[in-house]
N, C-alpha and C. Protein backbone atom coordinates (compact mmCIF):
# COMPACT_ATOMS: atom_id res chain seq x y z
N MET A 1 114.36 69.75 108.65
CA MET A 1 115.01 70.99 108.25
C MET A 1 116.15 71.26 109.22
N THR A 2 117.34 71.42 108.70
CA THR A 2 118.48 71.79 109.52
C THR A 2 118.95 73.18 109.12
N THR A 3 119.54 73.87 110.08
CA THR A 3 120.11 75.18 109.79
C THR A 3 121.59 75.15 110.10
N THR A 4 122.32 75.97 109.37
CA THR A 4 123.76 76.06 109.57
C THR A 4 124.21 77.47 109.22
N VAL A 5 125.30 77.90 109.82
CA VAL A 5 125.93 79.17 109.46
C VAL A 5 127.27 78.83 108.81
N GLN A 6 127.46 79.33 107.60
CA GLN A 6 128.71 79.05 106.88
C GLN A 6 129.40 80.35 106.50
N GLU A 7 130.72 80.37 106.62
CA GLU A 7 131.48 81.53 106.15
C GLU A 7 131.62 81.40 104.64
N VAL A 8 131.24 82.44 103.91
CA VAL A 8 131.29 82.41 102.45
C VAL A 8 132.37 83.34 101.90
N GLY A 9 133.02 84.08 102.77
CA GLY A 9 134.09 85.00 102.43
C GLY A 9 134.58 85.63 103.72
N ALA A 10 135.64 86.40 103.66
CA ALA A 10 136.20 87.01 104.87
C ALA A 10 135.16 87.91 105.53
N GLY A 11 134.71 87.52 106.74
CA GLY A 11 133.72 88.28 107.47
C GLY A 11 132.33 88.27 106.86
N CYS A 12 132.09 87.35 105.95
CA CYS A 12 130.78 87.21 105.29
C CYS A 12 130.24 85.81 105.57
N HIS A 13 128.99 85.76 106.01
CA HIS A 13 128.40 84.49 106.43
C HIS A 13 127.02 84.32 105.79
N ALA A 14 126.59 83.08 105.74
CA ALA A 14 125.24 82.75 105.27
C ALA A 14 124.59 81.82 106.28
N TRP A 15 123.35 82.15 106.66
CA TRP A 15 122.52 81.27 107.49
C TRP A 15 121.67 80.49 106.51
N LEU A 16 121.88 79.18 106.47
CA LEU A 16 121.23 78.33 105.48
C LEU A 16 120.22 77.40 106.13
N ARG A 17 119.07 77.25 105.47
CA ARG A 17 118.06 76.28 105.90
C ARG A 17 118.06 75.17 104.86
N LEU A 18 118.48 73.99 105.28
CA LEU A 18 118.66 72.88 104.36
C LEU A 18 117.63 71.79 104.60
N PRO A 19 117.09 71.18 103.57
CA PRO A 19 117.53 71.24 102.17
C PRO A 19 116.97 72.42 101.39
N GLY A 20 116.25 73.33 102.01
CA GLY A 20 115.69 74.48 101.29
C GLY A 20 114.28 74.17 100.83
N GLY A 21 113.71 75.09 100.13
CA GLY A 21 112.35 74.91 99.62
C GLY A 21 111.57 76.19 99.79
N TRP A 22 110.29 76.12 99.51
CA TRP A 22 109.42 77.29 99.51
C TRP A 22 109.39 77.94 100.89
N GLY A 23 109.77 79.22 100.94
CA GLY A 23 109.76 79.95 102.21
C GLY A 23 110.92 79.65 103.14
N GLN A 24 111.85 78.82 102.71
CA GLN A 24 113.00 78.44 103.55
C GLN A 24 114.19 79.33 103.19
N THR A 25 114.09 80.59 103.55
CA THR A 25 115.02 81.63 103.15
C THR A 25 116.42 81.44 103.73
N ASN A 26 117.43 81.70 102.89
CA ASN A 26 118.81 81.81 103.34
C ASN A 26 119.10 83.29 103.56
N LEU A 27 119.86 83.61 104.59
CA LEU A 27 120.12 85.01 104.95
C LEU A 27 121.61 85.27 105.00
N GLY A 28 122.01 86.55 104.86
CA GLY A 28 123.42 86.90 104.84
C GLY A 28 123.81 87.81 105.99
N LEU A 29 125.08 87.78 106.35
CA LEU A 29 125.64 88.61 107.40
C LEU A 29 127.02 89.08 106.98
N VAL A 30 127.23 90.40 107.03
CA VAL A 30 128.54 90.99 106.75
C VAL A 30 129.02 91.62 108.05
N VAL A 31 130.16 91.15 108.55
CA VAL A 31 130.69 91.62 109.83
C VAL A 31 131.84 92.59 109.57
N GLY A 32 131.71 93.78 110.18
CA GLY A 32 132.79 94.78 110.12
C GLY A 32 133.35 95.01 111.51
N GLN A 33 134.12 96.07 111.67
CA GLN A 33 134.69 96.42 112.97
C GLN A 33 133.60 97.01 113.85
N GLY A 34 133.10 96.24 114.81
CA GLY A 34 132.14 96.73 115.78
C GLY A 34 130.70 96.81 115.33
N GLU A 35 130.39 96.49 114.07
CA GLU A 35 129.00 96.48 113.60
C GLU A 35 128.86 95.54 112.42
N SER A 36 127.62 95.12 112.19
CA SER A 36 127.34 94.17 111.11
C SER A 36 126.14 94.62 110.29
N LEU A 37 126.05 94.06 109.10
CA LEU A 37 124.92 94.24 108.19
C LEU A 37 124.25 92.89 108.00
N LEU A 38 122.94 92.85 108.17
CA LEU A 38 122.16 91.64 107.92
C LEU A 38 121.45 91.79 106.59
N ILE A 39 121.48 90.74 105.78
CA ILE A 39 120.77 90.74 104.51
C ILE A 39 119.55 89.84 104.67
N ASP A 40 118.38 90.50 104.74
CA ASP A 40 117.06 89.86 104.85
C ASP A 40 116.82 89.26 106.24
N THR A 41 115.54 89.04 106.53
CA THR A 41 115.13 88.32 107.73
C THR A 41 114.23 87.17 107.29
N ALA A 42 113.89 86.32 108.22
CA ALA A 42 113.09 85.12 107.90
C ALA A 42 111.60 85.45 107.85
N TRP A 43 110.81 84.45 107.51
CA TRP A 43 109.38 84.59 107.28
C TRP A 43 108.63 85.10 108.51
N ASP A 44 109.04 84.66 109.67
CA ASP A 44 108.35 85.09 110.89
C ASP A 44 109.38 85.43 111.96
N GLN A 45 108.90 85.93 113.06
CA GLN A 45 109.80 86.38 114.10
C GLN A 45 110.47 85.23 114.84
N ARG A 46 109.79 84.10 114.97
CA ARG A 46 110.39 82.94 115.63
C ARG A 46 111.62 82.47 114.86
N LEU A 47 111.50 82.34 113.54
CA LEU A 47 112.64 81.91 112.72
C LEU A 47 113.75 82.96 112.73
N THR A 48 113.37 84.23 112.74
CA THR A 48 114.37 85.29 112.78
C THR A 48 115.14 85.23 114.10
N ARG A 49 114.44 84.99 115.21
CA ARG A 49 115.14 84.85 116.50
C ARG A 49 116.09 83.66 116.46
N SER A 50 115.67 82.56 115.84
CA SER A 50 116.52 81.38 115.72
C SER A 50 117.79 81.72 114.93
N MET A 51 117.62 82.48 113.84
CA MET A 51 118.77 82.90 113.04
C MET A 51 119.67 83.81 113.85
N LEU A 52 119.09 84.76 114.57
CA LEU A 52 119.89 85.69 115.38
C LEU A 52 120.70 84.94 116.44
N ASP A 53 120.10 83.91 117.04
CA ASP A 53 120.84 83.08 118.01
C ASP A 53 122.01 82.37 117.33
N ALA A 54 121.77 81.86 116.11
CA ALA A 54 122.81 81.10 115.41
C ALA A 54 123.98 81.98 114.99
N ILE A 55 123.72 83.24 114.66
CA ILE A 55 124.81 84.12 114.23
C ILE A 55 125.41 84.94 115.38
N SER A 56 124.90 84.75 116.58
CA SER A 56 125.35 85.55 117.73
C SER A 56 126.86 85.45 118.01
N PRO A 57 127.55 84.34 117.71
CA PRO A 57 129.00 84.35 117.91
C PRO A 57 129.69 85.45 117.10
N HIS A 58 129.09 85.87 115.99
CA HIS A 58 129.65 86.94 115.15
C HIS A 58 129.11 88.31 115.56
N THR A 59 127.84 88.38 115.94
CA THR A 59 127.22 89.67 116.21
C THR A 59 127.36 90.14 117.66
N ASP A 60 127.78 89.26 118.56
CA ASP A 60 128.00 89.68 119.95
C ASP A 60 129.06 90.78 120.00
N ARG A 61 130.09 90.65 119.19
CA ARG A 61 131.16 91.66 119.17
C ARG A 61 130.96 92.71 118.08
N ALA A 62 130.00 92.48 117.19
CA ALA A 62 129.71 93.42 116.10
C ALA A 62 128.20 93.42 115.87
N PRO A 63 127.44 94.10 116.73
CA PRO A 63 125.98 94.07 116.63
C PRO A 63 125.46 94.54 115.27
N ILE A 64 124.30 94.03 114.91
CA ILE A 64 123.68 94.39 113.63
C ILE A 64 123.16 95.83 113.73
N SER A 65 123.73 96.71 112.93
CA SER A 65 123.29 98.10 112.92
C SER A 65 122.46 98.44 111.69
N MET A 66 122.54 97.59 110.66
CA MET A 66 121.81 97.84 109.42
C MET A 66 121.29 96.52 108.86
N LEU A 67 120.12 96.62 108.24
CA LEU A 67 119.45 95.48 107.62
C LEU A 67 118.99 95.90 106.25
N ILE A 68 119.32 95.11 105.24
CA ILE A 68 118.84 95.38 103.88
C ILE A 68 117.85 94.28 103.50
N ASN A 69 116.68 94.68 103.00
CA ASN A 69 115.72 93.72 102.46
C ASN A 69 115.89 93.71 100.95
N THR A 70 116.21 92.54 100.40
CA THR A 70 116.52 92.43 98.98
C THR A 70 115.31 92.52 98.07
N HIS A 71 114.14 92.09 98.57
CA HIS A 71 112.93 92.15 97.75
C HIS A 71 111.70 91.99 98.65
N PRO A 72 110.49 92.22 98.10
CA PRO A 72 109.31 92.31 98.95
C PRO A 72 108.61 90.99 99.31
N ASP A 73 109.15 89.84 98.92
CA ASP A 73 108.52 88.59 99.35
C ASP A 73 108.61 88.49 100.87
N CYS A 74 107.50 88.09 101.49
CA CYS A 74 107.41 88.12 102.95
C CYS A 74 108.45 87.26 103.65
N ASP A 75 108.94 86.22 103.01
CA ASP A 75 109.93 85.37 103.66
C ASP A 75 111.32 86.03 103.71
N HIS A 76 111.41 87.29 103.26
CA HIS A 76 112.67 88.02 103.33
C HIS A 76 112.59 89.28 104.19
N TRP A 77 111.39 89.53 104.80
CA TRP A 77 111.33 90.76 105.60
C TRP A 77 110.35 90.74 106.77
N TRP A 78 109.52 89.72 106.89
CA TRP A 78 108.54 89.71 107.97
C TRP A 78 109.17 89.55 109.35
N GLY A 79 110.45 89.23 109.44
CA GLY A 79 111.13 89.16 110.73
C GLY A 79 111.83 90.45 111.12
N ASN A 80 111.66 91.52 110.32
CA ASN A 80 112.36 92.79 110.58
C ASN A 80 112.14 93.33 111.99
N ALA A 81 110.97 93.12 112.56
CA ALA A 81 110.65 93.69 113.88
C ALA A 81 111.55 93.12 114.98
N GLU A 82 112.25 92.02 114.72
CA GLU A 82 113.15 91.44 115.71
C GLU A 82 114.46 92.22 115.83
N LEU A 83 114.64 93.24 115.00
CA LEU A 83 115.86 94.04 115.04
C LEU A 83 115.51 95.51 115.25
N PRO A 84 114.95 95.86 116.40
CA PRO A 84 114.49 97.23 116.62
C PRO A 84 115.61 98.26 116.60
N GLY A 85 116.84 97.87 116.89
CA GLY A 85 117.95 98.81 116.93
C GLY A 85 118.66 98.99 115.61
N ALA A 86 118.28 98.23 114.59
CA ALA A 86 118.95 98.31 113.29
C ALA A 86 118.15 99.20 112.34
N GLU A 87 118.87 99.93 111.50
CA GLU A 87 118.22 100.71 110.44
C GLU A 87 117.90 99.75 109.29
N VAL A 88 116.66 99.83 108.78
CA VAL A 88 116.23 98.94 107.70
C VAL A 88 116.22 99.71 106.38
N LEU A 89 116.89 99.15 105.37
CA LEU A 89 116.96 99.75 104.04
C LEU A 89 116.35 98.81 103.01
N ALA A 90 115.78 99.40 101.98
CA ALA A 90 115.29 98.67 100.81
C ALA A 90 115.23 99.66 99.65
N SER A 91 115.16 99.15 98.46
CA SER A 91 115.01 100.05 97.32
C SER A 91 113.63 100.71 97.39
N ASP A 92 113.50 101.86 96.72
CA ASP A 92 112.21 102.57 96.69
C ASP A 92 111.08 101.65 96.23
N SER A 93 111.31 100.95 95.12
CA SER A 93 110.25 100.10 94.57
C SER A 93 109.97 98.90 95.46
N CYS A 94 110.97 98.40 96.16
CA CYS A 94 110.75 97.30 97.11
C CYS A 94 109.87 97.77 98.25
N ALA A 95 110.18 98.96 98.80
CA ALA A 95 109.38 99.48 99.92
C ALA A 95 107.93 99.69 99.51
N THR A 96 107.70 100.16 98.29
CA THR A 96 106.34 100.33 97.79
C THR A 96 105.64 98.97 97.67
N ALA A 97 106.34 98.00 97.10
CA ALA A 97 105.75 96.66 96.91
C ALA A 97 105.46 95.98 98.25
N MET A 98 106.28 96.23 99.27
CA MET A 98 106.04 95.63 100.59
C MET A 98 104.67 96.04 101.13
N ARG A 99 104.29 97.27 100.86
CA ARG A 99 102.99 97.77 101.34
C ARG A 99 101.83 97.23 100.53
N GLU A 100 102.11 96.67 99.36
CA GLU A 100 101.06 96.13 98.49
C GLU A 100 100.94 94.61 98.57
N GLU A 101 101.89 93.97 99.22
CA GLU A 101 101.87 92.50 99.34
C GLU A 101 100.78 92.05 100.32
N ALA A 102 100.49 90.78 100.28
CA ALA A 102 99.51 90.20 101.22
C ALA A 102 100.01 90.41 102.65
N THR A 103 99.08 90.63 103.55
CA THR A 103 99.41 90.83 104.97
C THR A 103 99.48 89.47 105.67
N PRO A 104 100.05 89.43 106.87
CA PRO A 104 100.05 88.18 107.63
C PRO A 104 98.62 87.66 107.86
N GLU A 105 97.67 88.57 108.08
CA GLU A 105 96.28 88.15 108.32
C GLU A 105 95.70 87.47 107.08
N LYS A 106 96.04 87.98 105.90
CA LYS A 106 95.53 87.38 104.66
C LYS A 106 96.14 85.99 104.43
N LEU A 107 97.43 85.85 104.72
CA LEU A 107 98.03 84.52 104.56
C LEU A 107 97.56 83.54 105.62
N LEU A 108 97.25 84.04 106.80
CA LEU A 108 96.67 83.19 107.84
C LEU A 108 95.30 82.69 107.39
N ALA A 109 94.50 83.57 106.78
CA ALA A 109 93.19 83.17 106.25
C ALA A 109 93.36 82.17 105.11
N LEU A 110 94.34 82.38 104.24
CA LEU A 110 94.61 81.44 103.15
C LEU A 110 94.99 80.07 103.71
N ARG A 111 95.80 80.05 104.77
CA ARG A 111 96.18 78.77 105.38
C ARG A 111 94.96 78.04 105.91
N ARG A 112 94.03 78.77 106.55
CA ARG A 112 92.81 78.14 107.07
C ARG A 112 91.96 77.55 105.93
N VAL A 113 91.81 78.31 104.85
CA VAL A 113 91.04 77.83 103.69
C VAL A 113 91.73 76.61 103.10
N ALA A 114 93.05 76.65 102.98
CA ALA A 114 93.79 75.52 102.42
C ALA A 114 93.63 74.28 103.29
N GLN A 115 93.66 74.46 104.60
CA GLN A 115 93.49 73.31 105.49
C GLN A 115 92.10 72.69 105.34
N LEU A 116 91.10 73.54 105.19
CA LEU A 116 89.74 73.04 104.99
C LEU A 116 89.60 72.35 103.63
N SER A 117 90.10 73.01 102.58
CA SER A 117 89.97 72.42 101.24
C SER A 117 90.83 71.17 101.10
N GLY A 118 91.85 71.03 101.94
CA GLY A 118 92.69 69.84 101.91
C GLY A 118 91.95 68.57 102.30
N ARG A 119 90.78 68.71 102.89
CA ARG A 119 89.96 67.54 103.27
C ARG A 119 89.15 66.99 102.09
N VAL A 120 89.08 67.77 101.02
CA VAL A 120 88.31 67.37 99.84
C VAL A 120 89.13 66.38 99.03
N PRO A 121 88.50 65.33 98.51
CA PRO A 121 89.27 64.39 97.68
C PRO A 121 89.62 65.00 96.32
N GLY A 122 90.59 64.40 95.67
CA GLY A 122 90.95 64.81 94.31
C GLY A 122 91.91 65.99 94.26
N ARG A 123 91.93 66.65 93.07
CA ARG A 123 92.86 67.75 92.85
C ARG A 123 92.65 68.92 93.78
N ALA A 124 91.42 69.30 94.00
CA ALA A 124 91.15 70.44 94.89
C ALA A 124 91.74 70.18 96.27
N GLY A 125 91.58 68.99 96.76
CA GLY A 125 92.15 68.64 98.06
C GLY A 125 93.66 68.62 98.03
N ALA A 126 94.24 68.15 96.91
CA ALA A 126 95.70 68.10 96.79
C ALA A 126 96.29 69.52 96.83
N VAL A 127 95.64 70.45 96.14
CA VAL A 127 96.12 71.83 96.16
C VAL A 127 96.01 72.40 97.57
N GLY A 128 94.90 72.15 98.24
CA GLY A 128 94.73 72.62 99.62
C GLY A 128 95.79 72.05 100.54
N ARG A 129 96.06 70.75 100.40
CA ARG A 129 97.09 70.13 101.25
C ARG A 129 98.47 70.71 100.96
N TYR A 130 98.76 70.97 99.70
CA TYR A 130 100.05 71.53 99.30
C TYR A 130 100.23 72.94 99.90
N VAL A 131 99.27 73.82 99.68
CA VAL A 131 99.36 75.19 100.20
C VAL A 131 99.37 75.18 101.73
N GLY A 132 98.51 74.37 102.32
CA GLY A 132 98.46 74.28 103.78
C GLY A 132 99.78 73.82 104.37
N SER A 133 100.42 72.84 103.73
CA SER A 133 101.70 72.34 104.24
C SER A 133 102.82 73.37 104.07
N MET A 134 102.76 74.18 103.01
CA MET A 134 103.78 75.22 102.81
C MET A 134 103.68 76.31 103.87
N LEU A 135 102.47 76.66 104.25
CA LEU A 135 102.27 77.75 105.21
C LEU A 135 102.29 77.29 106.67
N ALA A 136 102.17 75.97 106.89
CA ALA A 136 102.05 75.43 108.25
C ALA A 136 103.22 75.77 109.18
N PRO A 137 104.48 75.78 108.72
CA PRO A 137 105.58 75.98 109.67
C PRO A 137 105.72 77.39 110.23
N PHE A 138 104.99 78.34 109.68
CA PHE A 138 105.24 79.74 110.03
C PHE A 138 104.20 80.29 110.98
N GLU A 139 104.65 81.11 111.95
CA GLU A 139 103.78 81.72 112.95
C GLU A 139 103.23 83.04 112.39
N LEU A 140 102.31 82.92 111.45
CA LEU A 140 101.79 84.09 110.75
C LEU A 140 101.01 85.02 111.67
N GLY A 141 100.36 84.47 112.69
CA GLY A 141 99.57 85.28 113.60
C GLY A 141 100.41 86.11 114.56
N ALA A 142 101.72 85.86 114.61
CA ALA A 142 102.59 86.57 115.55
C ALA A 142 103.53 87.55 114.85
N VAL A 143 103.29 87.81 113.56
CA VAL A 143 104.17 88.71 112.81
C VAL A 143 103.78 90.16 113.05
N THR A 144 104.77 90.99 113.36
CA THR A 144 104.60 92.44 113.43
C THR A 144 105.39 93.02 112.26
N LEU A 145 104.69 93.69 111.36
CA LEU A 145 105.36 94.23 110.18
C LEU A 145 106.21 95.45 110.55
N ARG A 146 107.42 95.48 110.01
CA ARG A 146 108.30 96.64 110.14
C ARG A 146 108.83 96.98 108.75
N PHE A 147 108.46 98.15 108.28
CA PHE A 147 108.84 98.59 106.95
C PHE A 147 110.19 99.31 106.98
N PRO A 148 110.81 99.53 105.82
CA PRO A 148 112.12 100.20 105.78
C PRO A 148 112.10 101.60 106.38
N ASP A 149 113.21 101.95 107.02
CA ASP A 149 113.41 103.29 107.56
C ASP A 149 113.92 104.24 106.48
N ARG A 150 114.64 103.67 105.50
CA ARG A 150 115.27 104.47 104.45
C ARG A 150 115.27 103.67 103.16
N THR A 151 115.16 104.38 102.04
CA THR A 151 115.16 103.70 100.75
C THR A 151 116.27 104.29 99.86
N PHE A 152 116.54 103.58 98.76
CA PHE A 152 117.54 104.04 97.80
C PHE A 152 117.07 103.68 96.40
N LYS A 153 117.68 104.33 95.42
CA LYS A 153 117.42 104.04 94.00
C LYS A 153 118.72 103.67 93.33
N GLY A 154 118.64 102.74 92.40
CA GLY A 154 119.81 102.39 91.61
C GLY A 154 120.89 101.70 92.40
N ARG A 155 121.96 102.43 92.67
CA ARG A 155 123.13 101.85 93.34
C ARG A 155 123.54 102.78 94.48
N ARG A 156 123.88 102.19 95.61
CA ARG A 156 124.26 102.99 96.78
C ARG A 156 125.36 102.24 97.53
N THR A 157 126.35 102.96 98.02
CA THR A 157 127.41 102.37 98.84
C THR A 157 127.18 102.77 100.29
N GLU A 158 127.19 101.79 101.16
CA GLU A 158 127.09 102.00 102.61
C GLU A 158 128.40 101.51 103.22
N THR A 159 128.72 102.02 104.40
CA THR A 159 129.91 101.56 105.12
C THR A 159 129.47 100.90 106.41
N ILE A 160 129.90 99.67 106.61
CA ILE A 160 129.57 98.88 107.80
C ILE A 160 130.87 98.51 108.49
N GLY A 161 131.11 99.10 109.63
CA GLY A 161 132.32 98.78 110.38
C GLY A 161 133.58 98.92 109.56
N GLY A 162 133.66 99.98 108.75
CA GLY A 162 134.84 100.23 107.93
C GLY A 162 134.85 99.49 106.60
N ARG A 163 133.83 98.71 106.31
CA ARG A 163 133.78 97.96 105.05
C ARG A 163 132.76 98.59 104.10
N ALA A 164 133.16 98.78 102.85
CA ALA A 164 132.23 99.27 101.83
C ALA A 164 131.34 98.11 101.40
N VAL A 165 130.06 98.40 101.32
CA VAL A 165 129.06 97.41 100.87
C VAL A 165 128.20 98.11 99.83
N GLU A 166 128.08 97.52 98.64
CA GLU A 166 127.31 98.12 97.56
C GLU A 166 125.92 97.49 97.49
N LEU A 167 124.90 98.34 97.50
CA LEU A 167 123.52 97.90 97.33
C LEU A 167 123.13 98.24 95.90
N ILE A 168 122.70 97.25 95.16
CA ILE A 168 122.39 97.45 93.74
C ILE A 168 120.97 96.98 93.48
N ASP A 169 120.12 97.91 93.05
CA ASP A 169 118.72 97.61 92.74
C ASP A 169 118.63 97.25 91.26
N TYR A 170 118.22 96.03 90.97
CA TYR A 170 118.07 95.59 89.59
C TYR A 170 116.66 95.84 89.06
N GLY A 171 115.76 96.34 89.91
CA GLY A 171 114.39 96.55 89.47
C GLY A 171 113.64 95.24 89.42
N ALA A 172 112.66 95.17 88.54
CA ALA A 172 111.82 93.97 88.45
C ALA A 172 112.63 92.81 87.87
N ALA A 173 112.64 91.71 88.60
CA ALA A 173 113.32 90.49 88.16
C ALA A 173 112.51 89.31 88.71
N HIS A 174 112.88 88.80 89.86
CA HIS A 174 112.11 87.74 90.53
C HIS A 174 110.79 88.30 91.06
N THR A 175 110.81 89.55 91.52
CA THR A 175 109.62 90.24 92.04
C THR A 175 109.56 91.62 91.38
N ALA A 176 108.72 92.49 91.91
CA ALA A 176 108.61 93.86 91.40
C ALA A 176 109.89 94.65 91.63
N SER A 177 110.72 94.19 92.56
CA SER A 177 111.97 94.89 92.87
C SER A 177 112.95 93.92 93.52
N ASP A 178 114.13 93.81 92.93
CA ASP A 178 115.15 92.90 93.47
C ASP A 178 116.49 93.59 93.55
N SER A 179 117.11 93.52 94.71
CA SER A 179 118.42 94.11 94.93
C SER A 179 119.42 93.02 95.31
N VAL A 180 120.69 93.31 95.06
CA VAL A 180 121.77 92.45 95.50
C VAL A 180 122.69 93.27 96.40
N VAL A 181 123.51 92.58 97.18
CA VAL A 181 124.46 93.22 98.09
C VAL A 181 125.85 92.69 97.75
N LEU A 182 126.72 93.59 97.31
CA LEU A 182 128.09 93.24 96.93
C LEU A 182 129.04 93.69 98.03
N VAL A 183 129.91 92.76 98.45
CA VAL A 183 130.95 93.07 99.43
C VAL A 183 132.28 92.95 98.68
N PRO A 184 132.76 94.07 98.09
CA PRO A 184 133.94 94.00 97.21
C PRO A 184 135.19 93.43 97.86
N ASP A 185 135.48 93.79 99.11
CA ASP A 185 136.74 93.33 99.71
C ASP A 185 136.76 91.82 99.96
N ALA A 186 135.58 91.20 100.00
CA ALA A 186 135.50 89.74 100.19
C ALA A 186 135.13 89.01 98.90
N ARG A 187 134.82 89.79 97.85
CA ARG A 187 134.38 89.22 96.57
C ARG A 187 133.16 88.31 96.77
N VAL A 188 132.19 88.82 97.56
CA VAL A 188 130.96 88.08 97.86
C VAL A 188 129.77 88.89 97.37
N LEU A 189 128.82 88.21 96.74
CA LEU A 189 127.59 88.82 96.27
C LEU A 189 126.41 88.06 96.87
N TYR A 190 125.57 88.77 97.63
CA TYR A 190 124.33 88.20 98.17
C TYR A 190 123.22 88.55 97.19
N THR A 191 122.47 87.54 96.74
CA THR A 191 121.54 87.76 95.62
C THR A 191 120.07 87.63 95.98
N GLY A 192 119.73 87.50 97.26
CA GLY A 192 118.31 87.29 97.59
C GLY A 192 117.80 86.04 96.89
N ASP A 193 116.73 86.19 96.12
CA ASP A 193 116.17 85.03 95.38
C ASP A 193 116.50 85.05 93.90
N LEU A 194 117.48 85.84 93.47
CA LEU A 194 117.79 85.91 92.05
C LEU A 194 118.52 84.68 91.53
N LEU A 195 119.18 83.93 92.40
CA LEU A 195 119.84 82.68 91.97
C LEU A 195 119.16 81.51 92.65
């Protein structure tokens, strides 16, 4: 797995995990004058710290002041605690779904069961090995959950370092709640897992 930061528009960047796959979230960064907006965090705090290190050439001069979580899948928000100084936003329905999703402790238990069942021959073992391998890279036992500080409904415009950024909640799509982030001046749309 390699990671890279690519500019996708003027002052808009993407942290990419290649070649991608289950739980290998891509994240967005919008840089304004003196502050930035982060779109989503990684599955765990270790990966989020790695992403923060990779984008630091942009955020050293424009610290992250706001974070938007596009949807309630854990690989898009379980790293939120790594940004204690940023305000966290999500749609109302996303914030509700975050509280109803599986906890890190439950996924840690699932990983243990999968590792045990992976020793069984045949299909049952294959499923266990598959689930165990998907969950293996993540430090589930070290996750501290941080929920949104503020929520929105429908469509909302925020200003980040003098740049207008539109948050658009599409409601249920990939999950119970999916939002996109539009940066009109750069003609960039961050879509979470919708594409």
